[in-house]
């Protein structure tokens, strides 16, 4: 599956789209397909290492 990932803290340039494995789920778990997601202040702070 595709995901936006970062491997270091920094500006928007550290974000990139990557293929990652589909998570393995247990029988009691649920895997949800997300078509779109928002970005909020907490996401930006985490990317820069402040959260």
N, C-alpha and C. Protein backbone atom coordinates (compact mmCIF):
# COMPACT_ATOMS: atom_id res chain seq x y z
N UNK A 1 0.84 -1.17 0.00
CA UNK A 1 0.00 0.00 0.00
C UNK A 1 0.88 1.23 0.00
N UNK A 2 0.35 2.34 -0.46
CA UNK A 2 1.12 3.58 -0.49
C UNK A 2 0.89 4.36 0.80
N UNK A 3 1.94 5.03 1.25
CA UNK A 3 1.85 5.85 2.46
C UNK A 3 2.81 7.02 2.33
N UNK A 4 2.47 8.11 2.98
CA UNK A 4 3.40 9.23 3.08
C UNK A 4 4.21 9.00 4.34
N UNK A 5 5.52 8.93 4.19
CA UNK A 5 6.40 8.61 5.31
C UNK A 5 7.53 9.63 5.42
N UNK A 6 8.15 9.64 6.59
CA UNK A 6 9.38 10.40 6.77
C UNK A 6 10.30 9.59 7.67
N UNK A 7 11.59 9.67 7.41
CA UNK A 7 12.57 8.89 8.15
C UNK A 7 13.49 9.76 8.98
N UNK A 8 13.26 11.06 8.96
CA UNK A 8 14.03 12.01 9.76
C UNK A 8 13.15 13.23 10.00
N UNK A 9 13.48 14.01 11.01
CA UNK A 9 12.74 15.23 11.27
C UNK A 9 13.19 16.30 10.29
N UNK A 10 12.28 17.22 9.97
CA UNK A 10 12.67 18.30 9.07
C UNK A 10 11.48 18.96 8.41
N UNK A 11 11.77 19.72 7.38
CA UNK A 11 10.75 20.46 6.64
C UNK A 11 9.95 19.50 5.76
N UNK A 12 9.04 20.06 4.99
CA UNK A 12 8.16 19.25 4.15
C UNK A 12 8.94 18.36 3.18
N UNK A 13 10.16 18.71 2.87
CA UNK A 13 10.96 17.92 1.92
C UNK A 13 11.30 16.52 2.43
N UNK A 14 11.19 16.28 3.74
CA UNK A 14 11.49 14.95 4.26
C UNK A 14 10.33 13.97 4.02
N UNK A 15 9.17 14.48 3.65
CA UNK A 15 8.02 13.62 3.37
C UNK A 15 8.15 13.03 1.97
N UNK A 16 7.80 11.75 1.83
CA UNK A 16 7.78 11.15 0.50
C UNK A 16 6.78 9.99 0.49
N UNK A 17 6.30 9.68 -0.69
CA UNK A 17 5.36 8.57 -0.86
C UNK A 17 6.18 7.30 -1.03
N UNK A 18 5.79 6.26 -0.30
CA UNK A 18 6.51 4.99 -0.36
C UNK A 18 5.52 3.84 -0.34
N UNK A 19 5.95 2.72 -0.87
CA UNK A 19 5.17 1.49 -0.77
C UNK A 19 5.56 0.82 0.54
N UNK A 20 4.59 0.54 1.36
CA UNK A 20 4.82 -0.13 2.64
C UNK A 20 3.96 -1.39 2.69
N UNK A 21 4.38 -2.39 3.45
CA UNK A 21 3.58 -3.61 3.52
C UNK A 21 2.24 -3.37 4.21
N UNK A 22 1.24 -4.10 3.78
CA UNK A 22 -0.07 -4.04 4.44
C UNK A 22 0.10 -4.62 5.84
N UNK A 23 -0.38 -3.93 6.88
CA UNK A 23 -0.22 -4.44 8.24
C UNK A 23 -0.91 -5.78 8.44
N UNK A 24 -0.28 -6.65 9.22
CA UNK A 24 -0.92 -7.92 9.58
C UNK A 24 -1.87 -7.63 10.73
N UNK A 25 -3.08 -8.11 10.61
CA UNK A 25 -4.06 -7.87 11.67
C UNK A 25 -4.46 -9.19 12.32
N UNK A 26 -4.86 -9.10 13.58
CA UNK A 26 -5.34 -10.26 14.32
C UNK A 26 -6.83 -10.45 14.03
N UNK A 27 -7.38 -11.58 14.36
CA UNK A 27 -8.81 -11.82 14.10
C UNK A 27 -9.73 -10.81 14.78
N UNK A 28 -9.26 -10.19 15.86
CA UNK A 28 -10.10 -9.22 16.57
C UNK A 28 -9.86 -7.79 16.10
N UNK A 29 -8.95 -7.59 15.12
CA UNK A 29 -8.64 -6.26 14.60
C UNK A 29 -9.47 -5.95 13.36
N UNK A 30 -9.39 -4.71 12.96
CA UNK A 30 -10.10 -4.25 11.77
C UNK A 30 -9.15 -3.39 10.95
N UNK A 31 -9.04 -3.66 9.65
CA UNK A 31 -8.21 -2.87 8.76
C UNK A 31 -9.13 -1.97 7.94
N UNK A 32 -8.91 -0.66 8.02
CA UNK A 32 -9.78 0.31 7.36
C UNK A 32 -9.05 0.92 6.17
N UNK A 33 -9.69 0.93 5.01
CA UNK A 33 -9.12 1.56 3.83
C UNK A 33 -9.45 3.05 3.88
N UNK A 34 -8.42 3.90 3.82
CA UNK A 34 -8.60 5.35 3.90
C UNK A 34 -8.39 5.92 2.51
N UNK A 35 -9.36 6.70 2.03
CA UNK A 35 -9.26 7.31 0.71
C UNK A 35 -8.62 8.69 0.79
N UNK A 36 -8.80 9.39 1.89
CA UNK A 36 -8.23 10.73 2.06
C UNK A 36 -8.07 10.99 3.55
N UNK A 37 -7.08 11.82 3.89
CA UNK A 37 -6.84 12.16 5.28
C UNK A 37 -6.36 13.60 5.37
N UNK A 38 -6.69 14.26 6.45
CA UNK A 38 -6.27 15.64 6.64
C UNK A 38 -4.95 15.71 7.40
N UNK A 39 -4.31 16.85 7.30
CA UNK A 39 -3.08 17.12 8.03
C UNK A 39 -3.38 18.27 8.98
N UNK A 40 -3.05 18.09 10.26
CA UNK A 40 -3.32 19.15 11.23
C UNK A 40 -2.02 19.60 11.91
N UNK A 41 -2.15 20.51 12.84
CA UNK A 41 -0.97 21.08 13.50
C UNK A 41 -0.12 20.02 14.21
N UNK A 42 -0.76 19.05 14.84
CA UNK A 42 0.00 17.99 15.52
C UNK A 42 0.86 17.20 14.53
N UNK A 43 0.35 16.96 13.33
CA UNK A 43 1.13 16.27 12.30
C UNK A 43 2.36 17.08 11.92
N UNK A 44 2.18 18.38 11.77
CA UNK A 44 3.31 19.25 11.40
C UNK A 44 4.34 19.30 12.52
N UNK A 45 3.89 19.38 13.77
CA UNK A 45 4.82 19.41 14.90
C UNK A 45 5.59 18.10 15.02
N UNK A 46 4.92 16.97 14.77
CA UNK A 46 5.60 15.68 14.84
C UNK A 46 6.68 15.58 13.77
N UNK A 47 6.38 16.06 12.57
CA UNK A 47 7.36 16.01 11.48
C UNK A 47 8.62 16.80 11.82
N UNK A 48 8.46 17.91 12.53
CA UNK A 48 9.62 18.74 12.87
C UNK A 48 10.28 18.32 14.18
N UNK A 49 9.72 17.32 14.87
CA UNK A 49 10.34 16.81 16.09
C UNK A 49 9.91 17.49 17.37
N UNK A 50 8.84 18.27 17.33
CA UNK A 50 8.38 19.00 18.51
C UNK A 50 7.16 18.37 19.18
N UNK A 51 6.75 17.19 18.79
CA UNK A 51 5.54 16.60 19.36
C UNK A 51 5.80 15.17 19.74
